[in-house]
C-alpha atoms as a PDB file:
ATOM      1  CA  MET A   1      25.360  17.013 -35.751  1.00  0.00           C
ATOM      2  CA  THR A   2      27.830  16.650 -32.919  1.00  0.00           C
ATOM      3  CA  GLN A   3      28.423  13.361 -31.195  1.00  0.00           C
ATOM      4  CA  ALA A   4      27.645  13.161 -27.481  1.00  0.00           C
ATOM      5  CA  GLU A   5      28.181  10.432 -24.969  1.00  0.00           C
ATOM      6  CA  PRO A   6      24.995   8.362 -24.626  1.00  0.00           C
ATOM      7  CA  ARG A   7      24.718   9.080 -20.895  1.00  0.00           C
ATOM      8  CA  THR A   8      24.993  12.867 -21.345  1.00  0.00           C
ATOM      9  CA  TRP A   9      22.588  12.739 -24.288  1.00  0.00           C
ATOM     10  CA  CYS A  10      20.095  10.800 -22.169  1.00  0.00           C
ATOM     11  CA  ASP A  11      20.473  13.198 -19.238  1.00  0.00           C
ATOM     12  CA  ARG A  12      19.891  16.251 -21.452  1.00  0.00           C
ATOM     13  CA  LEU A  13      16.888  14.638 -23.129  1.00  0.00           C
ATOM     14  CA  GLN A  14      15.448  13.583 -19.762  1.00  0.00           C
ATOM     15  CA  ALA A  15      15.725  17.180 -18.509  1.00  0.00           C
ATOM     16  CA  LYS A  16      13.881  18.508 -21.582  1.00  0.00           C
ATOM     17  CA  LEU A  17      11.191  15.871 -21.243  1.00  0.00           C
ATOM     18  CA  MET A  18      10.707  16.609 -17.547  1.00  0.00           C
ATOM     19  CA  LYS A  19      10.153  20.289 -18.364  1.00  0.00           C
ATOM     20  CA  ALA A  20       7.566  19.297 -20.982  1.00  0.00           C
ATOM     21  CA  ILE A  21       5.833  16.942 -18.549  1.00  0.00           C
ATOM     22  CA  ASP A  22       5.780  19.644 -15.864  1.00  0.00           C
ATOM     23  CA  ALA A  23       4.201  22.065 -18.334  1.00  0.00           C
ATOM     24  CA  ALA A  24       1.614  19.460 -19.325  1.00  0.00           C
ATOM     25  CA  TRP A  25       0.716  18.765 -15.692  1.00  0.00           C
ATOM     26  CA  GLU A  26       0.457  22.482 -15.020  1.00  0.00           C
ATOM     27  CA  THR A  27      -2.036  22.701 -17.891  1.00  0.00           C
ATOM     28  CA  ILE A  28      -3.986  19.775 -16.457  1.00  0.00           C
ATOM     29  CA  ALA A  29      -4.058  21.338 -13.001  1.00  0.00           C
ATOM     30  CA  THR A  30      -5.137  24.830 -14.091  1.00  0.00           C
ATOM     31  CA  SER A  31      -7.319  24.267 -17.154  1.00  0.00           C
ATOM     32  CA  ASP A  32     -11.043  23.602 -17.261  1.00  0.00           C
ATOM     33  CA  ASP A  33     -11.076  22.882 -21.008  1.00  0.00           C
ATOM     34  CA  PRO A  34     -11.495  19.107 -21.586  1.00  0.00           C
ATOM     35  CA  ALA A  35      -9.753  19.300 -24.980  1.00  0.00           C
ATOM     36  CA  ALA A  36      -6.703  21.046 -23.471  1.00  0.00           C
ATOM     37  CA  ILE A  37      -6.567  18.502 -20.656  1.00  0.00           C
ATOM     38  CA  LYS A  38      -6.748  15.632 -23.169  1.00  0.00           C
ATOM     39  CA  ARG A  39      -3.902  17.135 -25.245  1.00  0.00           C
ATOM     40  CA  ALA A  40      -1.813  17.692 -22.115  1.00  0.00           C
ATOM     41  CA  ARG A  41      -2.326  14.079 -20.986  1.00  0.00           C
ATOM     42  CA  GLU A  42      -1.378  12.774 -24.428  1.00  0.00           C
ATOM     43  CA  ARG A  43       1.713  14.975 -24.430  1.00  0.00           C
ATOM     44  CA  ALA A  44       2.732  13.778 -20.951  1.00  0.00           C
ATOM     45  CA  LYS A  45       2.251  10.156 -22.018  1.00  0.00           C
ATOM     46  CA  ALA A  46       4.304  10.687 -25.182  1.00  0.00           C
ATOM     47  CA  CYS A  47       7.087  12.347 -23.171  1.00  0.00           C
ATOM     48  CA  GLY A  48       7.118   9.385 -20.783  1.00  0.00           C
ATOM     49  CA  ASP A  49       7.354   6.944 -23.688  1.00  0.00           C
ATOM     50  CA  VAL A  50      10.254   8.867 -25.246  1.00  0.00           C
ATOM     51  CA  ALA A  51      12.013   9.012 -21.859  1.00  0.00           C
ATOM     52  CA  ALA A  52      11.691   5.232 -21.478  1.00  0.00           C
ATOM     53  CA  GLN A  53      13.188   4.686 -24.938  1.00  0.00           C
ATOM     54  CA  ALA A  54      16.055   7.077 -24.149  1.00  0.00           C
ATOM     55  CA  ARG A  55      16.851   5.125 -20.970  1.00  0.00           C
ATOM     56  CA  LYS A  56      16.896   1.886 -22.966  1.00  0.00           C
ATOM     57  CA  ILE A  57      19.270   3.383 -25.532  1.00  0.00           C
ATOM     58  CA  ALA A  58      21.582   4.668 -22.811  1.00  0.00           C
ATOM     59  CA  ALA A  59      21.518   1.254 -21.101  1.00  0.00           C
ATOM     60  CA  MET A  60      22.573  -0.515 -24.317  1.00  0.00           C
ATOM     61  CA  THR A  61      25.787   1.446 -24.609  1.00  0.00           C
ATOM     62  CA  ARG A  62      28.983   0.308 -23.011  1.00  0.00           C
ATOM     63  CA  VAL A  63      30.019   2.026 -19.807  1.00  0.00           C
ATOM     64  CA  ALA A  64      33.693   2.953 -19.654  1.00  0.00           C
ATOM     65  CA  ARG A  65      35.518   1.162 -16.873  1.00  0.00           C
ATOM     66  CA  PRO A  66      37.991   3.006 -14.705  1.00  0.00           C
ATOM     67  CA  MET A  67      41.660   2.295 -15.332  1.00  0.00           C
ATOM     68  CA  ARG A  68      43.528  -0.058 -13.045  1.00  0.00           C
ATOM     69  CA  PRO A  69      45.540   1.826 -10.453  1.00  0.00           C
ATOM     70  CA  SER A  70      48.624  -0.291 -11.225  1.00  0.00           C
ATOM     71  CA  GLY A  71      48.849   1.158 -14.715  1.00  0.00           C
ATOM     72  CA  GLY A  72      47.422  -1.901 -16.427  1.00  0.00           C
ATOM     73  CA  ALA A  73      49.766  -4.497 -14.934  1.00  0.00           C
ATOM     74  CA  PRO A  74      48.136  -7.817 -14.017  1.00  0.00           C
ATOM     75  CA  PRO A  75      47.645  -8.591 -10.326  1.00  0.00           C
ATOM     76  CA  PRO A  76      50.455 -10.497  -8.596  1.00  0.00           C
ATOM     77  CA  ALA A  77      50.302 -14.283  -8.782  1.00  0.00           C
ATOM     78  CA  LEU A  78      48.976 -16.189  -5.777  1.00  0.00           C
ATOM     79  CA  PRO A  79      51.462 -18.423  -3.928  1.00  0.00           C
ATOM     80  CA  LEU A  80      51.301 -22.155  -4.601  1.00  0.00           C
ATOM     81  CA  PRO A  81      49.761 -24.282  -1.831  1.00  0.00           C
ATOM     82  CA  THR A  82      52.197 -25.892   0.578  1.00  0.00           C
ATOM     83  CA  ALA A  83      51.872 -28.919   2.846  1.00  0.00           C
ATOM     84  CA  GLU A  84      51.116 -26.675   5.842  1.00  0.00           C
ATOM     85  CA  SER A  85      48.355 -24.779   4.043  1.00  0.00           C
ATOM     86  CA  ALA A  86      46.862 -28.061   2.796  1.00  0.00           C
ATOM     87  CA  ALA A  87      46.662 -29.310   6.383  1.00  0.00           C
ATOM     88  CA  GLU A  88      44.733 -26.180   7.392  1.00  0.00           C
ATOM     89  CA  THR A  89      42.012 -26.667   4.782  1.00  0.00           C
ATOM     90  CA  PRO A  90      39.307 -29.272   5.282  1.00  0.00           C
ATOM     91  CA  PRO A  91      39.442 -32.387   3.114  1.00  0.00           C
ATOM     92  CA  ALA A  92      37.841 -32.203  -0.318  1.00  0.00           C
ATOM     93  CA  ARG A  93      35.195 -34.770   0.593  1.00  0.00           C
ATOM     94  CA  ALA A  94      33.834 -32.668   3.468  1.00  0.00           C
ATOM     95  CA  ILE A  95      31.459 -31.071   0.979  1.00  0.00           C
ATOM     96  CA  HIS A  96      29.624 -34.388   0.746  1.00  0.00           C
ATOM     97  CA  ARG A  97      28.820 -34.234   4.452  1.00  0.00           C
ATOM     98  CA  LEU A  98      27.390 -30.761   3.991  1.00  0.00           C
ATOM     99  CA  LYS A  99      25.226 -31.865   1.091  1.00  0.00           C
ATOM    100  CA  GLY A 100      23.788 -34.754   3.080  1.00  0.00           C
ATOM    101  CA  GLY A 101      22.668 -37.995   1.549  1.00  0.00           C
ATOM    102  CA  GLY A 102      23.863 -41.557   1.857  1.00  0.00           C
ATOM    103  CA  ARG A 103      27.499 -41.127   0.909  1.00  0.00           C
ATOM    104  CA  ALA A 104      30.040 -43.083   2.844  1.00  0.00           C
ATOM    105  CA  ARG A 105      32.159 -41.114   5.259  1.00  0.00           C
ATOM    106  CA  LEU A 106      35.888 -41.528   5.068  1.00  0.00           C
END
């Protein structure tokens, strides 16, 4: 047995199951035999159940992340805050005014 990526395996299985479901629905649409219709409905339901399980299996596998464009180097460090940048930001206690309540204002 050859190993396949879970996503490609799931896609191939989904395609096969869709063909089987289409054939079952064609039988349901064209047949007058109640036994054939019952078998076709059971087959369509079973195909749907298998498809749901295949999606769950594919979802459990890890998805490969794309490589960083910088070749794996970490991002550059952020500059340290200066006195000018600290003056531009609101004071740390301003969040208390946004939250409301009975806190004393400074």
